[in-house]
């Protein structure tokens, strides 16, 4: 069972922020070998969903208000610690995020930029691909929309 925390940026403790950045850098910068500026100022306007197992941050994403990344509310920086993948934790993370996003912003749609290899994962959660694939940090991505 995952222990969820949902916080605005200014509610995060120093330790939580450190854990978030460490997990994001471990996966996105080191594991995926992407050199990019992870701290893009969008965190400041986002809500953060943190998932813990036995006091270890194993799942994370940020929820962005409409008008920050897209006209729609959006979900980004979706990450699961490598030791906790393939056990349904990503599905639980996204299902929790969808509910939180729809409630938080009283909206009926969510837009994401998904890595193409995860197309089926997001499709199974109700997201539909829109547009063509594109490269972001040398990784193929595609925009996807969730409609309530």
Foldseek 3Di string as FASTA:
>chain_A
DWDKDKAQLVVDDPVRVVLLVVQLCVCVCPVVVFDDDPPPVQSNQWIKIFIDDPNHTFWIKTWGPQPPPHNHIEIDSTGGRPVPPPPCPSVVRVVVVVVCRCVVHVDFKYKYKAQVVCVVVVVVVAWDFDDDWDDDSNTTITMTMHGD
